[in-house]
Amino acid sequence: MVNYFGIELLSENQLTFYIKSTWSGGLQNCTVYISTSSDQSSFTEVIYEKIGVEQAQWNEVIVDIPAAYNNETVYLAFRNHAAGDALLLDDISISGKNM
């Protein structure tokens, strides 16, 4: 499953979120993609990938967004590679600086 949203960036941007798995049957995998288009086929650049998201505890993730996207409107997609809904995201935020 892929969910995405669009946002206008500033400069020196960071994506912060918390992630955990609720599935006891194994580890979950998560990838975050970035694009300047909302077309799902354009989500090819990976800015974060985690194989083996741990169960039962929230883990903070901080990702530096590439400078090539400064001052652009971008779309971020979060992909759970497993079937089902055993991957949780919380407190998604983006911070940056006005230049």
PDB file of N, CA and C in Angstrom:
ATOM      1  N   MET A   1       0.843  -1.173   0.000  1.00  0.00           N
ATOM      2  CA  MET A   1       0.000   0.000   0.000  1.00  0.00           C
ATOM      3  C   MET A   1       0.889   1.236   0.000  1.00  0.00           C
ATOM      4  N   VAL A   2       0.514   2.236  -0.782  1.00  0.00           N
ATOM      5  CA  VAL A   2       1.256   3.493  -0.843  1.00  0.00           C
ATOM      6  C   VAL A   2       0.307   4.633  -0.508  1.00  0.00           C
ATOM      7  N   ASN A   3       0.688   5.450   0.444  1.00  0.00           N
ATOM      8  CA  ASN A   3      -0.036   6.672   0.771  1.00  0.00           C
ATOM      9  C   ASN A   3       0.915   7.832   0.567  1.00  0.00           C
ATOM     10  N   TYR A   4       0.395   8.949   0.034  1.00  0.00           N
ATOM     11  CA  TYR A   4       1.281  10.081  -0.214  1.00  0.00           C
ATOM     12  C   TYR A   4       0.580  11.393   0.083  1.00  0.00           C
ATOM     13  N   PHE A   5       1.390  12.446   0.249  1.00  0.00           N
ATOM     14  CA  PHE A   5       0.862  13.793   0.435  1.00  0.00           C
ATOM     15  C   PHE A   5       1.837  14.782  -0.162  1.00  0.00           C
ATOM     16  N   GLY A   6       1.344  15.981  -0.501  1.00  0.00           N
ATOM     17  CA  GLY A   6       2.175  17.025  -1.093  1.00  0.00           C
ATOM     18  C   GLY A   6       2.420  18.152  -0.110  1.00  0.00           C
ATOM     19  N   ILE A   7       3.593  18.798  -0.243  1.00  0.00           N
ATOM     20  CA  ILE A   7       3.952  19.903   0.634  1.00  0.00           C
ATOM     21  C   ILE A   7       4.984  20.781  -0.067  1.00  0.00           C
ATOM     22  N   GLU A   8       4.925  22.089   0.189  1.00  0.00           N
ATOM     23  CA  GLU A   8       5.925  23.010  -0.351  1.00  0.00           C
ATOM     24  C   GLU A   8       7.082  23.099   0.636  1.00  0.00           C
ATOM     25  N   LEU A   9       8.281  22.801   0.165  1.00  0.00           N
ATOM     26  CA  LEU A   9       9.462  22.784   1.024  1.00  0.00           C
ATOM     27  C   LEU A   9      10.127  24.148   1.105  1.00  0.00           C
ATOM     28  N   LEU A  10      10.941  24.322   2.125  1.00  0.00           N
ATOM     29  CA  LEU A  10      11.793  25.495   2.273  1.00  0.00           C
ATOM     30  C   LEU A  10      13.197  25.060   1.869  1.00  0.00           C
ATOM     31  N   SER A  11      14.209  25.343   2.679  1.00  0.00           N
ATOM     32  CA  SER A  11      15.557  24.815   2.430  1.00  0.00           C
ATOM     33  C   SER A  11      16.023  24.094   3.691  1.00  0.00           C
ATOM     34  N   GLU A  12      17.045  23.259   3.551  1.00  0.00           N
ATOM     35  CA  GLU A  12      17.558  22.445   4.657  1.00  0.00           C
ATOM     36  C   GLU A  12      16.417  21.695   5.347  1.00  0.00           C
ATOM     37  N   ASN A  13      15.670  20.946   4.567  1.00  0.00           N
ATOM     38  CA  ASN A  13      14.468  20.272   5.051  1.00  0.00           C
ATOM     39  C   ASN A  13      14.777  18.924   5.688  1.00  0.00           C
ATOM     40  N   GLN A  14      14.007  18.626   6.730  1.00  0.00           N
ATOM     41  CA  GLN A  14      14.083  17.321   7.370  1.00  0.00           C
ATOM     42  C   GLN A  14      12.679  16.773   7.555  1.00  0.00           C
ATOM     43  N   LEU A  15      12.547  15.492   7.279  1.00  0.00           N
ATOM     44  CA  LEU A  15      11.321  14.748   7.529  1.00  0.00           C
ATOM     45  C   LEU A  15      11.520  13.990   8.835  1.00  0.00           C
ATOM     46  N   THR A  16      10.561  14.116   9.746  1.00  0.00           N
ATOM     47  CA  THR A  16      10.610  13.388  11.010  1.00  0.00           C
ATOM     48  C   THR A  16       9.297  12.636  11.179  1.00  0.00           C
ATOM     49  N   PHE A  17       9.393  11.387  11.619  1.00  0.00           N
ATOM     50  CA  PHE A  17       8.194  10.615  11.930  1.00  0.00           C
ATOM     51  C   PHE A  17       8.552   9.485  12.886  1.00  0.00           C
ATOM     52  N   TYR A  18       7.516   8.880  13.446  1.00  0.00           N
ATOM     53  CA  TYR A  18       7.677   7.716  14.316  1.00  0.00           C
ATOM     54  C   TYR A  18       7.042   6.525  13.617  1.00  0.00           C
ATOM     55  N   ILE A  19       7.659   5.355  13.815  1.00  0.00           N
ATOM     56  CA  ILE A  19       7.216   4.159  13.113  1.00  0.00           C
ATOM     57  C   ILE A  19       7.283   2.956  14.053  1.00  0.00           C
ATOM     58  N   LYS A  20       6.324   2.040  13.892  1.00  0.00           N
ATOM     59  CA  LYS A  20       6.396   0.756  14.589  1.00  0.00           C
ATOM     60  C   LYS A  20       5.516  -0.252  13.865  1.00  0.00           C
ATOM     61  N   SER A  21       5.767  -1.511  14.149  1.00  0.00           N
ATOM     62  CA  SER A  21       4.990  -2.607  13.585  1.00  0.00           C
ATOM     63  C   SER A  21       4.052  -3.145  14.659  1.00  0.00           C
ATOM     64  N   THR A  22       2.888  -3.613  14.248  1.00  0.00           N
ATOM     65  CA  THR A  22       1.957  -4.239  15.187  1.00  0.00           C
ATOM     66  C   THR A  22       1.839  -5.737  14.940  1.00  0.00           C
ATOM     67  N   TRP A  23       2.606  -6.235  13.993  1.00  0.00           N
ATOM     68  CA  TRP A  23       2.490  -7.642  13.607  1.00  0.00           C
ATOM     69  C   TRP A  23       3.535  -8.470  14.330  1.00  0.00           C
ATOM     70  N   SER A  24       3.095  -9.500  15.040  1.00  0.00           N
ATOM     71  CA  SER A  24       4.020 -10.360  15.776  1.00  0.00           C
ATOM     72  C   SER A  24       4.592 -11.478  14.911  1.00  0.00           C
ATOM     73  N   GLY A  25       4.088 -11.632  13.692  1.00  0.00           N
ATOM     74  CA  GLY A  25       4.516 -12.725  12.825  1.00  0.00           C
ATOM     75  C   GLY A  25       5.794 -12.464  12.063  1.00  0.00           C
ATOM     76  N   GLY A  26       6.393 -11.321  12.223  1.00  0.00           N
ATOM     77  CA  GLY A  26       7.625 -11.014  11.507  1.00  0.00           C
ATOM     78  C   GLY A  26       7.830  -9.521  11.398  1.00  0.00           C
ATOM     79  N   LEU A  27       8.911  -9.139  10.777  1.00  0.00           N
ATOM     80  CA  LEU A  27       9.257  -7.728  10.656  1.00  0.00           C
ATOM     81  C   LEU A  27       8.602  -7.102   9.432  1.00  0.00           C
ATOM     82  N   GLN A  28       8.267  -5.837   9.534  1.00  0.00           N
ATOM     83  CA  GLN A  28       7.679  -5.076   8.438  1.00  0.00           C
ATOM     84  C   GLN A  28       8.768  -4.248   7.755  1.00  0.00           C
ATOM     85  N   ASN A  29       8.545  -3.918   6.495  1.00  0.00           N
ATOM     86  CA  ASN A  29       9.487  -3.099   5.732  1.00  0.00           C
ATOM     87  C   ASN A  29       8.797  -1.818   5.287  1.00  0.00           C
ATOM     88  N   CYS A  30       9.521  -0.698   5.346  1.00  0.00           N
ATOM     89  CA  CYS A  30       8.955   0.600   4.985  1.00  0.00           C
ATOM     90  C   CYS A  30       9.928   1.355   4.091  1.00  0.00           C
ATOM     91  N   THR A  31       9.382   2.002   3.058  1.00  0.00           N
ATOM     92  CA  THR A  31      10.169   2.857   2.178  1.00  0.00           C
ATOM     93  C   THR A  31       9.452   4.195   2.045  1.00  0.00           C
ATOM     94  N   VAL A  32      10.226   5.293   2.056  1.00  0.00           N
ATOM     95  CA  VAL A  32       9.675   6.625   1.810  1.00  0.00           C
ATOM     96  C   VAL A  32      10.261   7.121   0.493  1.00  0.00           C
ATOM     97  N   TYR A  33       9.375   7.523  -0.407  1.00  0.00           N
ATOM     98  CA  TYR A  33       9.760   8.034  -1.726  1.00  0.00           C
ATOM     99  C   TYR A  33       9.458   9.525  -1.795  1.00  0.00           C
ATOM    100  N   ILE A  34      10.159  10.232  -2.693  1.00  0.00           N
ATOM    101  CA  ILE A  34       9.908  11.653  -2.926  1.00  0.00           C
ATOM    102  C   ILE A  34       9.781  11.893  -4.425  1.00  0.00           C
ATOM    103  N   SER A  35       8.903  12.837  -4.792  1.00  0.00           N
ATOM    104  CA  SER A  35       8.701  13.182  -6.198  1.00  0.00           C
ATOM    105  C   SER A  35       8.185  14.611  -6.285  1.00  0.00           C
ATOM    106  N   THR A  36       8.320  15.223  -7.445  1.00  0.00           N
ATOM    107  CA  THR A  36       7.717  16.541  -7.679  1.00  0.00           C
ATOM    108  C   THR A  36       6.377  16.405  -8.390  1.00  0.00           C
ATOM    109  N   SER A  37       5.906  15.182  -8.551  1.00  0.00           N
ATOM    110  CA  SER A  37       4.624  14.907  -9.200  1.00  0.00           C
ATOM    111  C   SER A  37       3.792  13.993  -8.304  1.00  0.00           C
ATOM    112  N   SER A  38       2.480  14.142  -8.369  1.00  0.00           N
ATOM    113  CA  SER A  38       1.603  13.262  -7.597  1.00  0.00           C
ATOM    114  C   SER A  38       1.293  11.958  -8.331  1.00  0.00           C
ATOM    115  N   ASP A  39       1.778  11.810  -9.548  1.00  0.00           N
ATOM    116  CA  ASP A  39       1.590  10.575 -10.310  1.00  0.00           C
ATOM    117  C   ASP A  39       2.362   9.453  -9.611  1.00  0.00           C
ATOM    118  N   GLN A  40       1.664   8.407  -9.182  1.00  0.00           N
ATOM    119  CA  GLN A  40       2.318   7.350  -8.409  1.00  0.00           C
ATOM    120  C   GLN A  40       3.476   6.697  -9.143  1.00  0.00           C
ATOM    121  N   SER A  41       3.449   6.674 -10.455  1.00  0.00           N
ATOM    122  CA  SER A  41       4.556   6.064 -11.203  1.00  0.00           C
ATOM    123  C   SER A  41       5.836   6.905 -11.115  1.00  0.00           C
ATOM    124  N   SER A  42       5.720   8.157 -10.660  1.00  0.00           N
ATOM    125  CA  SER A  42       6.901   9.021 -10.552  1.00  0.00           C
ATOM    126  C   SER A  42       7.640   8.857  -9.223  1.00  0.00           C
ATOM    127  N   PHE A  43       7.090   8.084  -8.307  1.00  0.00           N
ATOM    128  CA  PHE A  43       7.746   7.886  -7.015  1.00  0.00           C
ATOM    129  C   PHE A  43       8.852   6.849  -7.161  1.00  0.00           C
ATOM    130  N   THR A  44      10.032   7.316  -7.590  1.00  0.00           N
ATOM    131  CA  THR A  44      11.156   6.404  -7.811  1.00  0.00           C
ATOM    132  C   THR A  44      12.352   6.708  -6.912  1.00  0.00           C
ATOM    133  N   GLU A  45      12.486   7.949  -6.414  1.00  0.00           N
ATOM    134  CA  GLU A  45      13.638   8.280  -5.568  1.00  0.00           C
ATOM    135  C   GLU A  45      13.342   7.932  -4.111  1.00  0.00           C
ATOM    136  N   VAL A  46      14.166   7.067  -3.563  1.00  0.00           N
ATOM    137  CA  VAL A  46      14.024   6.626  -2.176  1.00  0.00           C
ATOM    138  C   VAL A  46      14.836   7.559  -1.275  1.00  0.00           C
ATOM    139  N   ILE A  47      14.173   8.106  -0.228  1.00  0.00           N
ATOM    140  CA  ILE A  47      14.913   8.925   0.740  1.00  0.00           C
ATOM    141  C   ILE A  47      15.042   8.216   2.087  1.00  0.00           C
ATOM    142  N   TYR A  48      14.313   7.107   2.265  1.00  0.00           N
ATOM    143  CA  TYR A  48      14.423   6.315   3.493  1.00  0.00           C
ATOM    144  C   TYR A  48      13.949   4.902   3.199  1.00  0.00           C
ATOM    145  N   GLU A  49      14.675   3.936   3.750  1.00  0.00           N
ATOM    146  CA  GLU A  49      14.235   2.548   3.643  1.00  0.00           C
ATOM    147  C   GLU A  49      14.637   1.815   4.912  1.00  0.00           C
ATOM    148  N   LYS A  50      13.691   1.092   5.470  1.00  0.00           N
ATOM    149  CA  LYS A  50      13.944   0.312   6.684  1.00  0.00           C
ATOM    150  C   LYS A  50      13.419  -1.094   6.459  1.00  0.00           C
ATOM    151  N   ILE A  51      14.329  -2.045   6.551  1.00  0.00           N
ATOM    152  CA  ILE A  51      13.950  -3.452   6.462  1.00  0.00           C
ATOM    153  C   ILE A  51      13.968  -3.973   7.885  1.00  0.00           C
ATOM    154  N   GLY A  52      12.843  -4.423   8.338  1.00  0.00           N
ATOM    155  CA  GLY A  52      12.773  -4.946   9.697  1.00  0.00           C
ATOM    156  C   GLY A  52      12.347  -3.921  10.727  1.00  0.00           C
ATOM    157  N   VAL A  53      11.185  -3.302  10.536  1.00  0.00           N
ATOM    158  CA  VAL A  53      10.640  -2.375  11.528  1.00  0.00           C
ATOM    159  C   VAL A  53      10.239  -3.186  12.754  1.00  0.00           C
ATOM    160  N   GLU A  54      10.679  -2.753  13.917  1.00  0.00           N
ATOM    161  CA  GLU A  54      10.447  -3.496  15.149  1.00  0.00           C
ATOM    162  C   GLU A  54       9.008  -3.381  15.623  1.00  0.00           C
ATOM    163  N   GLN A  55       8.571  -4.432  16.308  1.00  0.00           N
ATOM    164  CA  GLN A  55       7.228  -4.463  16.858  1.00  0.00           C
ATOM    165  C   GLN A  55       7.218  -3.848  18.256  1.00  0.00           C
ATOM    166  N   ALA A  56       6.096  -3.244  18.595  1.00  0.00           N
ATOM    167  CA  ALA A  56       5.743  -2.830  19.952  1.00  0.00           C
ATOM    168  C   ALA A  56       6.454  -1.600  20.492  1.00  0.00           C
ATOM    169  N   GLN A  57       7.423  -1.041  19.813  1.00  0.00           N
ATOM    170  CA  GLN A  57       8.007   0.205  20.322  1.00  0.00           C
ATOM    171  C   GLN A  57       8.110   1.217  19.184  1.00  0.00           C
ATOM    172  N   TRP A  58       7.812   2.469  19.507  1.00  0.00           N
ATOM    173  CA  TRP A  58       7.916   3.542  18.527  1.00  0.00           C
ATOM    174  C   TRP A  58       9.381   3.904  18.328  1.00  0.00           C
ATOM    175  N   ASN A  59       9.776   4.068  17.078  1.00  0.00           N
ATOM    176  CA  ASN A  59      11.137   4.472  16.731  1.00  0.00           C
ATOM    177  C   ASN A  59      11.080   5.786  15.966  1.00  0.00           C
ATOM    178  N   GLU A  60      11.850   6.782  16.430  1.00  0.00           N
ATOM    179  CA  GLU A  60      11.910   8.065  15.734  1.00  0.00           C
ATOM    180  C   GLU A  60      12.822   7.939  14.518  1.00  0.00           C
ATOM    181  N   VAL A  61      12.360   8.494  13.405  1.00  0.00           N
ATOM    182  CA  VAL A  61      13.137   8.507  12.166  1.00  0.00           C
ATOM    183  C   VAL A  61      13.309   9.964  11.740  1.00  0.00           C
ATOM    184  N   ILE A  62      14.547  10.362  11.441  1.00  0.00           N
ATOM    185  CA  ILE A  62      14.837  11.702  10.926  1.00  0.00           C
ATOM    186  C   ILE A  62      15.566  11.536   9.605  1.00  0.00           C
ATOM    187  N   VAL A  63      15.009  12.133   8.552  1.00  0.00           N
ATOM    188  CA  VAL A  63      15.550  11.986   7.201  1.00  0.00           C
ATOM    189  C   VAL A  63      15.872  13.367   6.646  1.00  0.00           C
ATOM    190  N   ASP A  64      17.104  13.570   6.200  1.00  0.00           N
ATOM    191  CA  ASP A  64      17.455  14.801   5.491  1.00  0.00           C
ATOM    192  C   ASP A  64      16.924  14.703   4.068  1.00  0.00           C
ATOM    193  N   ILE A  65      16.099  15.656   3.675  1.00  0.00           N
ATOM    194  CA  ILE A  65      15.561  15.673   2.314  1.00  0.00           C
ATOM    195  C   ILE A  65      16.617  16.286   1.398  1.00  0.00           C
ATOM    196  N   PRO A  66      16.916  15.651   0.268  1.00  0.00           N
ATOM    197  CA  PRO A  66      17.971  16.162  -0.629  1.00  0.00           C
ATOM    198  C   PRO A  66      17.757  17.628  -1.005  1.00  0.00           C
ATOM    199  N   ALA A  67      18.854  18.392  -1.038  1.00  0.00           N
ATOM    200  CA  ALA A  67      18.806  19.827  -1.346  1.00  0.00           C
ATOM    201  C   ALA A  67      18.228  20.110  -2.725  1.00  0.00           C
ATOM    202  N   ALA A  68      18.256  19.154  -3.618  1.00  0.00           N
ATOM    203  CA  ALA A  68      17.687  19.351  -4.956  1.00  0.00           C
ATOM    204  C   ALA A  68      16.197  19.695  -4.894  1.00  0.00           C
ATOM    205  N   TYR A  69      15.548  19.387  -3.772  1.00  0.00           N
ATOM    206  CA  TYR A  69      14.114  19.656  -3.625  1.00  0.00           C
ATOM    207  C   TYR A  69      13.823  20.938  -2.850  1.00  0.00           C
ATOM    208  N   ASN A  70      14.853  21.699  -2.472  1.00  0.00           N
ATOM    209  CA  ASN A  70      14.630  22.957  -1.755  1.00  0.00           C
ATOM    210  C   ASN A  70      13.699  23.868  -2.547  1.00  0.00           C
ATOM    211  N   ASN A  71      12.764  24.485  -1.843  1.00  0.00           N
ATOM    212  CA  ASN A  71      11.820  25.457  -2.408  1.00  0.00           C
ATOM    213  C   ASN A  71      10.943  24.877  -3.514  1.00  0.00           C
ATOM    214  N   GLU A  72      10.751  23.575  -3.519  1.00  0.00           N
ATOM    215  CA  GLU A  72       9.888  22.898  -4.492  1.00  0.00           C
ATOM    216  C   GLU A  72       8.654  22.358  -3.779  1.00  0.00           C
ATOM    217  N   THR A  73       7.579  22.172  -4.522  1.00  0.00           N
ATOM    218  CA  THR A  73       6.452  21.409  -4.008  1.00  0.00           C
ATOM    219  C   THR A  73       6.746  19.947  -4.295  1.00  0.00           C
ATOM    220  N   VAL A  74       6.750  19.144  -3.239  1.00  0.00           N
ATOM    221  CA  VAL A  74       7.076  17.730  -3.392  1.00  0.00           C
ATOM    222  C   VAL A  74       5.948  16.871  -2.830  1.00  0.00           C
ATOM    223  N   TYR A  75       5.993  15.626  -3.212  1.00  0.00           N
ATOM    224  CA  TYR A  75       5.068  14.619  -2.717  1.00  0.00           C
ATOM    225  C   TYR A  75       5.896  13.522  -2.071  1.00  0.00           C
ATOM    226  N   LEU A  76       5.494  13.129  -0.882  1.00  0.00           N
ATOM    227  CA  LEU A  76       6.164  12.055  -0.167  1.00  0.00           C
ATOM    228  C   LEU A  76       5.220  10.869  -0.088  1.00  0.00           C
ATOM    229  N   ALA A  77       5.742   9.688  -0.354  1.00  0.00           N
ATOM    230  CA  ALA A  77       4.947   8.465  -0.296  1.00  0.00           C
ATOM    231  C   ALA A  77       5.561   7.513   0.717  1.00  0.00           C
ATOM    232  N   PHE A  78       4.720   6.947   1.559  1.00  0.00           N
ATOM    233  CA  PHE A  78       5.136   5.953   2.540  1.00  0.00           C
ATOM    234  C   PHE A  78       4.597   4.607   2.084  1.00  0.00           C
ATOM    235  N   ARG A  79       5.492   3.645   1.917  1.00  0.00           N
ATOM    236  CA  ARG A  79       5.073   2.334   1.414  1.00  0.00           C
ATOM    237  C   ARG A  79       5.388   1.242   2.431  1.00  0.00           C
ATOM    238  N   ASN A  80       4.366   0.466   2.746  1.00  0.00           N
ATOM    239  CA  ASN A  80       4.514  -0.741   3.549  1.00  0.00           C
ATOM    240  C   ASN A  80       4.613  -1.894   2.563  1.00  0.00           C
ATOM    241  N   HIS A  81       5.696  -2.662   2.615  1.00  0.00           N
ATOM    242  CA  HIS A  81       5.918  -3.715   1.629  1.00  0.00           C
ATOM    243  C   HIS A  81       5.181  -5.009   1.944  1.00  0.00           C
ATOM    244  N   ALA A  82       4.572  -5.114   3.101  1.00  0.00           N
ATOM    245  CA  ALA A  82       3.846  -6.322   3.471  1.00  0.00           C
ATOM    246  C   ALA A  82       2.357  -6.130   3.196  1.00  0.00           C
ATOM    247  N   ALA A  83       1.662  -7.228   3.081  1.00  0.00           N
ATOM    248  CA  ALA A  83       0.205  -7.157   2.933  1.00  0.00           C
ATOM    249  C   ALA A  83      -0.396  -6.790   4.288  1.00  0.00           C
ATOM    250  N   GLY A  84      -1.466  -6.043   4.259  1.00  0.00           N
ATOM    251  CA  GLY A  84      -2.137  -5.711   5.503  1.00  0.00           C
ATOM    252  C   GLY A  84      -1.766  -4.339   6.026  1.00  0.00           C
ATOM    253  N   ASP A  85      -2.132  -4.132   7.277  1.00  0.00           N
ATOM    254  CA  ASP A  85      -1.974  -2.805   7.884  1.00  0.00           C
ATOM    255  C   ASP A  85      -1.199  -2.875   9.201  1.00  0.00           C
ATOM    256  N   ALA A  86      -0.116  -3.631   9.229  1.00  0.00           N
ATOM    257  CA  ALA A  86       0.634  -3.844  10.464  1.00  0.00           C
ATOM    258  C   ALA A  86       1.738  -2.821  10.695  1.00  0.00           C
ATOM    259  N   LEU A  87       1.796  -1.775   9.883  1.00  0.00           N
ATOM    260  CA  LEU A  87       2.819  -0.744  10.031  1.00  0.00           C
ATOM    261  C   LEU A  87       2.140   0.565  10.416  1.00  0.00           C
ATOM    262  N   LEU A  88       2.589   1.160  11.507  1.00  0.00           N
ATOM    263  CA  LEU A  88       1.995   2.404  11.995  1.00  0.00           C
ATOM    264  C   LEU A  88       2.980   3.555  11.860  1.00  0.00           C
ATOM    265  N   LEU A  89       2.465   4.720  11.454  1.00  0.00           N
ATOM    266  CA  LEU A  89       3.230   5.966  11.376  1.00  0.00           C
ATOM    267  C   LEU A  89       2.542   6.987  12.266  1.00  0.00           C
ATOM    268  N   ASP A  90       3.322   7.870  12.882  1.00  0.00           N
ATOM    269  CA  ASP A  90       2.743   8.888  13.750  1.00  0.00           C
ATOM    270  C   ASP A  90       3.626  10.129  13.736  1.00  0.00           C
ATOM    271  N   ASP A  91       3.017  11.260  14.051  1.00  0.00           N
ATOM    272  CA  ASP A  91       3.729  12.537  14.205  1.00  0.00           C
ATOM    273  C   ASP A  91       4.632  12.861  13.018  1.00  0.00           C
ATOM    274  N   ILE A  92       4.092  12.760  11.819  1.00  0.00           N
ATOM    275  CA  ILE A  92       4.855  13.078  10.607  1.00  0.00           C
ATOM    276  C   ILE A  92       4.987  14.596  10.510  1.00  0.00           C
ATOM    277  N   SER A  93       6.229  15.084  10.370  1.00  0.00           N
ATOM    278  CA  SER A  93       6.437  16.528  10.235  1.00  0.00           C
ATOM    279  C   SER A  93       7.625  16.804   9.328  1.00  0.00           C
ATOM    280  N   ILE A  94       7.618  18.004   8.753  1.00  0.00           N
ATOM    281  CA  ILE A  94       8.730  18.465   7.930  1.00  0.00           C
ATOM    282  C   ILE A  94       9.147  19.830   8.455  1.00  0.00           C
ATOM    283  N   SER A  95      10.441  19.985   8.675  1.00  0.00           N
ATOM    284  CA  SER A  95      10.964  21.274   9.114  1.00  0.00           C
ATOM    285  C   SER A  95      11.974  21.762   8.090  1.00  0.00           C
ATOM    286  N   GLY A  96      12.092  23.069   7.983  1.00  0.00           N
ATOM    287  CA  GLY A  96      13.033  23.671   7.048  1.00  0.00           C
ATOM    288  C   GLY A  96      13.268  25.118   7.428  1.00  0.00           C
ATOM    289  N   LYS A  97      14.105  25.792   6.654  1.00  0.00           N
ATOM    290  CA  LYS A  97      14.448  27.187   6.916  1.00  0.00           C
ATOM    291  C   LYS A  97      14.028  28.052   5.742  1.00  0.00           C
ATOM    292  N   ASN A  98      13.509  29.244   6.044  1.00  0.00           N
ATOM    293  CA  ASN A  98      13.259  30.240   5.001  1.00  0.00           C
ATOM    294  C   ASN A  98      14.578  30.870   4.611  1.00  0.00           C
ATOM    295  N   MET A  99      14.833  30.963   3.329  1.00  0.00           N
ATOM    296  CA  MET A  99      16.084  31.576   2.872  1.00  0.00           C
ATOM    297  C   MET A  99      15.760  32.786   2.034  1.00  0.00           C
TER     298      MET A  99
END
